[in-house]
Amino acid sequence: TSQLPTTIADMLDGSIPTNIAIIAPDGPVLTYGSLKCQVDSLANQLNSFGIGRGDRVAIVLPNGVENIVSFLAVTASGATAAPVNPAYTTEEFVFCLEDANAKAIITSGAASDAINEAIPASMINVRVGLNSDEKIHFTCDTALGLPGDSDGSNVDDVALVLHTSGTTSRPKRVPLSHRNLIVGTQNIVD
C-alpha cells in the first residue's frame, strides 16, 4: 500500500504531472505538473513577502482557479489559509481578519470597497491575477522585507481556518490540520 501524504503540498507531489488537475470554465486548464510548478513558485513568493510557517493568510476571492491556486500556495508556504466570503460587509471583513489574526490578505484587483476598507495598513496585501499565458501571479507593495519561515508544514500544522456561520452567536474559528484535510480528501477518493 502506498503511504498517505502528510501535507497538502505532498498531495501534489504524488500526482501524475500530465493529468488534468483543474479545468476553469472561462480560464486555464492546468495539469498537475503545471499546478505544482505554479504552487511552488507562488509559495516561494509568499515566503519572500514575509509570510511563512505559523502565519495566517486571509483569502478573499470568488470561486475559481485563482482561489484554488492561492489556497494551495498558502499551505505550501507553511502558512495557514483563512478563506473569507467576498460578499461580506466591511464590518464582517474586519471581524474575520481580526479573529483569524491574519498577517496577510490575498485579494484580486477587482476587490470590493468593503474589502479594501477593512484591510489594515499593517497587513501584507497580496493581489492575485492571471498572466497572459494563463499563469497565476502575485503582486505585493506591502511586503515586510524579511523572508517568512519556509520550513514548510507538517501533518499537525493548521492548514485551514474556517468560521462557523454564526447563526446563533458570533462566528467561531474552526482550525483544520493538514491531517484533517488529507483524511477528508482520502475519504472522498475512497
C-alpha atoms as a PDB file:
ATOM      1  CA  THR A   1       0.000   0.000   0.000  1.00  0.00           C
ATOM      2  CA  SER A   2       1.167   3.496  -0.690  1.00  0.00           C
ATOM      3  CA  GLN A   3       1.682   5.906   2.167  1.00  0.00           C
ATOM      4  CA  LEU A   4      -0.724   8.816   2.540  1.00  0.00           C
ATOM      5  CA  PRO A   5       0.760  12.271   2.004  1.00  0.00           C
ATOM      6  CA  THR A   6       1.362  14.270   5.182  1.00  0.00           C
ATOM      7  CA  THR A   7       0.686  17.783   3.864  1.00  0.00           C
ATOM      8  CA  ILE A   8      -1.424  19.380   1.166  1.00  0.00           C
ATOM      9  CA  ALA A   9       1.752  20.040  -0.860  1.00  0.00           C
ATOM     10  CA  ASP A  10       2.623  16.320  -0.645  1.00  0.00           C
ATOM     11  CA  MET A  11      -0.657  15.532  -2.386  1.00  0.00           C
ATOM     12  CA  LEU A  12       0.572  17.384  -5.478  1.00  0.00           C
ATOM     13  CA  ASP A  13       3.934  15.603  -5.287  1.00  0.00           C
ATOM     14  CA  GLY A  14       2.191  12.240  -5.675  1.00  0.00           C
ATOM     15  CA  SER A  15       0.149  13.234  -8.726  1.00  0.00           C
ATOM     16  CA  ILE A  16       0.762  12.311 -12.355  1.00  0.00           C
ATOM     17  CA  PRO A  17       2.137  15.540 -13.906  1.00  0.00           C
ATOM     18  CA  THR A  18       0.416  15.144 -17.288  1.00  0.00           C
ATOM     19  CA  ASN A  19      -3.066  14.500 -15.858  1.00  0.00           C
ATOM     20  CA  ILE A  20      -5.527  17.396 -15.797  1.00  0.00           C
ATOM     21  CA  ALA A  21      -5.951  18.890 -12.334  1.00  0.00           C
ATOM     22  CA  ILE A  22      -8.215  21.912 -12.953  1.00  0.00           C
ATOM     23  CA  ILE A  23     -10.483  22.959 -15.790  1.00  0.00           C
ATOM     24  CA  ALA A  24     -11.765  26.501 -15.354  1.00  0.00           C
ATOM     25  CA  PRO A  25     -14.908  27.283 -17.386  1.00  0.00           C
ATOM     26  CA  ASP A  26     -13.605  30.676 -18.546  1.00  0.00           C
ATOM     27  CA  GLY A  27      -9.951  30.214 -17.748  1.00  0.00           C
ATOM     28  CA  PRO A  28      -6.974  27.932 -17.937  1.00  0.00           C
ATOM     29  CA  VAL A  29      -6.728  24.160 -17.957  1.00  0.00           C
ATOM     30  CA  LEU A  30      -3.993  23.122 -15.526  1.00  0.00           C
ATOM     31  CA  THR A  31      -2.211  19.795 -15.455  1.00  0.00           C
ATOM     32  CA  TYR A  32      -0.891  18.567 -12.115  1.00  0.00           C
ATOM     33  CA  GLY A  33       2.632  19.389 -13.297  1.00  0.00           C
ATOM     34  CA  SER A  34       1.691  22.970 -14.145  1.00  0.00           C
ATOM     35  CA  LEU A  35      -0.322  23.329 -10.931  1.00  0.00           C
ATOM     36  CA  LYS A  36       2.575  22.081  -8.791  1.00  0.00           C
ATOM     37  CA  CYS A  37       5.028  24.391 -10.579  1.00  0.00           C
ATOM     38  CA  GLN A  38       2.779  27.420 -10.015  1.00  0.00           C
ATOM     39  CA  VAL A  39       2.048  26.489  -6.372  1.00  0.00           C
ATOM     40  CA  ASP A  40       5.751  26.041  -5.581  1.00  0.00           C
ATOM     41  CA  SER A  41       6.657  29.340  -7.263  1.00  0.00           C
ATOM     42  CA  LEU A  42       3.874  31.263  -5.503  1.00  0.00           C
ATOM     43  CA  ALA A  43       4.695  29.664  -2.123  1.00  0.00           C
ATOM     44  CA  ASN A  44       8.286  30.874  -2.515  1.00  0.00           C
ATOM     45  CA  GLN A  45       6.975  34.302  -3.461  1.00  0.00           C
ATOM     46  CA  LEU A  46       4.784  34.392  -0.318  1.00  0.00           C
ATOM     47  CA  ASN A  47       7.856  33.478   1.758  1.00  0.00           C
ATOM     48  CA  SER A  48       9.740  36.364   0.106  1.00  0.00           C
ATOM     49  CA  PHE A  49       6.898  38.722   1.127  1.00  0.00           C
ATOM     50  CA  GLY A  50       7.477  37.779   4.784  1.00  0.00           C
ATOM     51  CA  ILE A  51       4.771  35.103   5.027  1.00  0.00           C
ATOM     52  CA  GLY A  52       5.689  31.705   6.423  1.00  0.00           C
ATOM     53  CA  ARG A  53       5.045  28.930   8.889  1.00  0.00           C
ATOM     54  CA  GLY A  54       2.620  29.895  11.621  1.00  0.00           C
ATOM     55  CA  ASP A  55       1.238  32.938   9.780  1.00  0.00           C
ATOM     56  CA  ARG A  56      -2.406  33.196   8.753  1.00  0.00           C
ATOM     57  CA  VAL A  57      -3.386  34.481   5.332  1.00  0.00           C
ATOM     58  CA  ALA A  58      -6.941  35.604   4.580  1.00  0.00           C
ATOM     59  CA  ILE A  59      -8.038  34.699   1.052  1.00  0.00           C
ATOM     60  CA  VAL A  60     -10.862  36.877  -0.253  1.00  0.00           C
ATOM     61  CA  LEU A  61     -11.524  35.650  -3.786  1.00  0.00           C
ATOM     62  CA  PRO A  62     -14.509  34.344  -5.713  1.00  0.00           C
ATOM     63  CA  ASN A  63     -14.589  30.634  -6.505  1.00  0.00           C
ATOM     64  CA  GLY A  64     -12.199  29.861  -9.334  1.00  0.00           C
ATOM     65  CA  VAL A  65      -8.700  28.859 -10.306  1.00  0.00           C
ATOM     66  CA  GLU A  66      -7.068  31.872  -8.591  1.00  0.00           C
ATOM     67  CA  ASN A  67      -8.704  30.858  -5.307  1.00  0.00           C
ATOM     68  CA  ILE A  68      -7.635  27.211  -5.615  1.00  0.00           C
ATOM     69  CA  VAL A  69      -4.032  28.007  -6.530  1.00  0.00           C
ATOM     70  CA  SER A  70      -3.809  30.710  -3.833  1.00  0.00           C
ATOM     71  CA  PHE A  71      -5.047  28.263  -1.170  1.00  0.00           C
ATOM     72  CA  LEU A  72      -2.521  25.631  -2.246  1.00  0.00           C
ATOM     73  CA  ALA A  73       0.311  28.196  -2.344  1.00  0.00           C
ATOM     74  CA  VAL A  74      -0.516  29.472   1.149  1.00  0.00           C
ATOM     75  CA  THR A  75      -0.474  25.961   2.606  1.00  0.00           C
ATOM     76  CA  ALA A  76       2.729  25.089   0.685  1.00  0.00           C
ATOM     77  CA  SER A  77       4.398  28.226   2.090  1.00  0.00           C
ATOM     78  CA  GLY A  78       3.885  26.874   5.601  1.00  0.00           C
ATOM     79  CA  ALA A  79       1.166  29.413   6.398  1.00  0.00           C
ATOM     80  CA  THR A  80      -2.496  28.821   7.228  1.00  0.00           C
ATOM     81  CA  ALA A  81      -5.259  29.746   4.778  1.00  0.00           C
ATOM     82  CA  ALA A  82      -8.263  31.621   6.154  1.00  0.00           C
ATOM     83  CA  PRO A  83     -10.836  31.998   3.348  1.00  0.00           C
ATOM     84  CA  VAL A  84     -13.353  34.825   3.721  1.00  0.00           C
ATOM     85  CA  ASN A  85     -16.563  35.306   1.753  1.00  0.00           C
ATOM     86  CA  PRO A  86     -16.006  38.140  -0.763  1.00  0.00           C
ATOM     87  CA  ALA A  87     -19.641  39.258  -0.334  1.00  0.00           C
ATOM     88  CA  TYR A  88     -19.132  40.271   3.317  1.00  0.00           C
ATOM     89  CA  THR A  89     -19.606  43.829   4.562  1.00  0.00           C
ATOM     90  CA  THR A  90     -16.703  45.907   5.834  1.00  0.00           C
ATOM     91  CA  GLU A  91     -17.666  45.083   9.428  1.00  0.00           C
ATOM     92  CA  GLU A  92     -17.736  41.337   8.679  1.00  0.00           C
ATOM     93  CA  PHE A  93     -14.327  41.555   6.969  1.00  0.00           C
ATOM     94  CA  VAL A  94     -12.843  43.448   9.916  1.00  0.00           C
ATOM     95  CA  PHE A  95     -14.175  40.802  12.326  1.00  0.00           C
ATOM     96  CA  CYS A  96     -12.855  37.871  10.261  1.00  0.00           C
ATOM     97  CA  LEU A  97      -9.424  39.423   9.695  1.00  0.00           C
ATOM     98  CA  GLU A  98      -9.022  40.256  13.392  1.00  0.00           C
ATOM     99  CA  ASP A  99     -10.464  36.947  14.618  1.00  0.00           C
ATOM    100  CA  ALA A 100      -8.236  34.924  12.278  1.00  0.00           C
ATOM    101  CA  ASN A 101      -5.250  37.062  13.347  1.00  0.00           C
ATOM    102  CA  ALA A 102      -4.365  37.384   9.659  1.00  0.00           C
ATOM    103  CA  LYS A 103      -0.883  38.671   8.865  1.00  0.00           C
ATOM    104  CA  ALA A 104      -1.674  38.943   5.163  1.00  0.00           C
ATOM    105  CA  ILE A 105      -4.577  39.002   2.750  1.00  0.00           C
ATOM    106  CA  ILE A 106      -4.879  37.798  -0.836  1.00  0.00           C
ATOM    107  CA  THR A 107      -7.433  39.640  -2.986  1.00  0.00           C
ATOM    108  CA  SER A 108      -7.917  40.421  -6.646  1.00  0.00           C
ATOM    109  CA  GLY A 109      -7.596  43.742  -8.416  1.00  0.00           C
ATOM    110  CA  ALA A 110     -11.394  43.776  -8.506  1.00  0.00           C
ATOM    111  CA  ALA A 111     -11.720  43.662  -4.701  1.00  0.00           C
ATOM    112  CA  SER A 112     -14.777  45.481  -3.382  1.00  0.00           C
ATOM    113  CA  ASP A 113     -14.631  48.741  -1.464  1.00  0.00           C
ATOM    114  CA  ALA A 114     -15.747  46.792   1.632  1.00  0.00           C
ATOM    115  CA  ILE A 115     -12.658  44.581   1.409  1.00  0.00           C
ATOM    116  CA  ASN A 116     -10.280  47.462   0.722  1.00  0.00           C
ATOM    117  CA  GLU A 117     -11.687  49.490   3.641  1.00  0.00           C
ATOM    118  CA  ALA A 118     -11.238  46.555   6.037  1.00  0.00           C
ATOM    119  CA  ILE A 119      -7.552  45.905   5.281  1.00  0.00           C
ATOM    120  CA  PRO A 120      -5.365  47.467   7.987  1.00  0.00           C
ATOM    121  CA  ALA A 121      -2.251  49.334   6.831  1.00  0.00           C
ATOM    122  CA  SER A 122      -0.086  46.885   8.818  1.00  0.00           C
ATOM    123  CA  MET A 123      -1.322  43.860   6.840  1.00  0.00           C
ATOM    124  CA  ILE A 124       0.621  42.388   3.918  1.00  0.00           C
ATOM    125  CA  ASN A 125      -1.677  42.978   0.939  1.00  0.00           C
ATOM    126  CA  VAL A 126      -1.176  40.474  -1.901  1.00  0.00           C
ATOM    127  CA  ARG A 127      -3.040  40.825  -5.198  1.00  0.00           C
ATOM    128  CA  VAL A 128      -3.622  37.803  -7.420  1.00  0.00           C
ATOM    129  CA  GLY A 129      -4.037  37.869 -11.161  1.00  0.00           C
ATOM    130  CA  LEU A 130      -3.750  35.800 -14.302  1.00  0.00           C
ATOM    131  CA  ASN A 131      -0.871  36.456 -16.740  1.00  0.00           C
ATOM    132  CA  SER A 132      -1.396  36.478 -20.498  1.00  0.00           C
ATOM    133  CA  ASP A 133      -0.031  32.907 -20.552  1.00  0.00           C
ATOM    134  CA  GLU A 134      -2.781  31.958 -18.042  1.00  0.00           C
ATOM    135  CA  LYS A 135      -0.458  31.532 -15.060  1.00  0.00           C
ATOM    136  CA  ILE A 136      -1.411  32.826 -11.644  1.00  0.00           C
ATOM    137  CA  HIS A 137       0.806  35.631 -10.313  1.00  0.00           C
ATOM    138  CA  PHE A 138       1.047  37.609  -7.077  1.00  0.00           C
ATOM    139  CA  THR A 139       1.968  41.262  -6.610  1.00  0.00           C
ATOM    140  CA  CYS A 140       2.628  42.955  -3.295  1.00  0.00           C
ATOM    141  CA  ASP A 141       3.559  46.504  -2.358  1.00  0.00           C
ATOM    142  CA  THR A 142       3.453  45.923   1.398  1.00  0.00           C
ATOM    143  CA  ALA A 143       5.905  43.035   1.957  1.00  0.00           C
ATOM    144  CA  LEU A 144       7.745  43.058   5.268  1.00  0.00           C
ATOM    145  CA  GLY A 145      11.159  42.709   3.676  1.00  0.00           C
ATOM    146  CA  LEU A 146      12.174  39.762   5.884  1.00  0.00           C
ATOM    147  CA  PRO A 147      11.592  36.340   4.342  1.00  0.00           C
ATOM    148  CA  GLY A 148       8.992  34.184   6.062  1.00  0.00           C
ATOM    149  CA  ASP A 149       9.881  30.835   7.640  1.00  0.00           C
ATOM    150  CA  SER A 150       9.870  28.480   4.664  1.00  0.00           C
ATOM    151  CA  ASP A 151      10.427  25.207   6.536  1.00  0.00           C
ATOM    152  CA  GLY A 152       7.105  24.063   5.106  1.00  0.00           C
ATOM    153  CA  SER A 153       4.384  22.346   7.078  1.00  0.00           C
ATOM    154  CA  ASN A 154       3.880  19.122   8.925  1.00  0.00           C
ATOM    155  CA  VAL A 155       0.861  16.886   9.301  1.00  0.00           C
ATOM    156  CA  ASP A 156      -0.349  18.500  12.548  1.00  0.00           C
ATOM    157  CA  ASP A 157       0.061  22.140  11.449  1.00  0.00           C
ATOM    158  CA  VAL A 158      -3.158  24.037  10.850  1.00  0.00           C
ATOM    159  CA  ALA A 159      -3.695  24.343   7.090  1.00  0.00           C
ATOM    160  CA  LEU A 160      -7.118  25.970   7.049  1.00  0.00           C
ATOM    161  CA  VAL A 161      -9.136  28.171   9.410  1.00  0.00           C
ATOM    162  CA  LEU A 162     -12.846  28.416   8.692  1.00  0.00           C
ATOM    163  CA  HIS A 163     -15.529  30.389  10.507  1.00  0.00           C
ATOM    164  CA  THR A 164     -18.877  28.943  11.523  1.00  0.00           C
ATOM    165  CA  SER A 165     -21.973  30.647  10.146  1.00  0.00           C
ATOM    166  CA  GLY A 166     -22.631  32.448  13.412  1.00  0.00           C
ATOM    167  CA  THR A 167     -26.406  31.921  13.211  1.00  0.00           C
ATOM    168  CA  THR A 168     -26.833  31.653  16.999  1.00  0.00           C
ATOM    169  CA  SER A 169     -23.891  33.820  18.097  1.00  0.00           C
ATOM    170  CA  ARG A 170     -20.692  35.329  16.731  1.00  0.00           C
ATOM    171  CA  PRO A 171     -18.886  33.085  14.227  1.00  0.00           C
ATOM    172  CA  LYS A 172     -16.252  30.834  15.752  1.00  0.00           C
ATOM    173  CA  ARG A 173     -12.926  29.671  14.295  1.00  0.00           C
ATOM    174  CA  VAL A 174     -12.621  26.068  13.145  1.00  0.00           C
ATOM    175  CA  PRO A 175      -8.963  25.071  12.634  1.00  0.00           C
ATOM    176  CA  LEU A 176      -8.270  22.120  10.310  1.00  0.00           C
ATOM    177  CA  SER A 177      -4.845  20.483  10.172  1.00  0.00           C
ATOM    178  CA  HIS A 178      -3.152  19.063   7.104  1.00  0.00           C
ATOM    179  CA  ARG A 179      -4.053  15.636   8.546  1.00  0.00           C
ATOM    180  CA  ASN A 180      -7.759  16.612   8.720  1.00  0.00           C
ATOM    181  CA  LEU A 181      -7.775  17.735   5.090  1.00  0.00           C
ATOM    182  CA  ILE A 182      -5.826  14.719   3.812  1.00  0.00           C
ATOM    183  CA  VAL A 183      -8.067  12.226   5.619  1.00  0.00           C
ATOM    184  CA  GLY A 184     -11.141  14.054   4.289  1.00  0.00           C
ATOM    185  CA  THR A 185      -9.713  14.000   0.771  1.00  0.00           C
ATOM    186  CA  GLN A 186      -8.882  10.297   1.055  1.00  0.00           C
ATOM    187  CA  ASN A 187     -12.452   9.588   2.224  1.00  0.00           C
ATOM    188  CA  ILE A 188     -13.776  11.343  -0.877  1.00  0.00           C
ATOM    189  CA  VAL A 189     -11.401   9.395  -3.124  1.00  0.00           C
ATOM    190  CA  ASP A 190     -12.373   6.085  -1.475  1.00  0.00           C
END
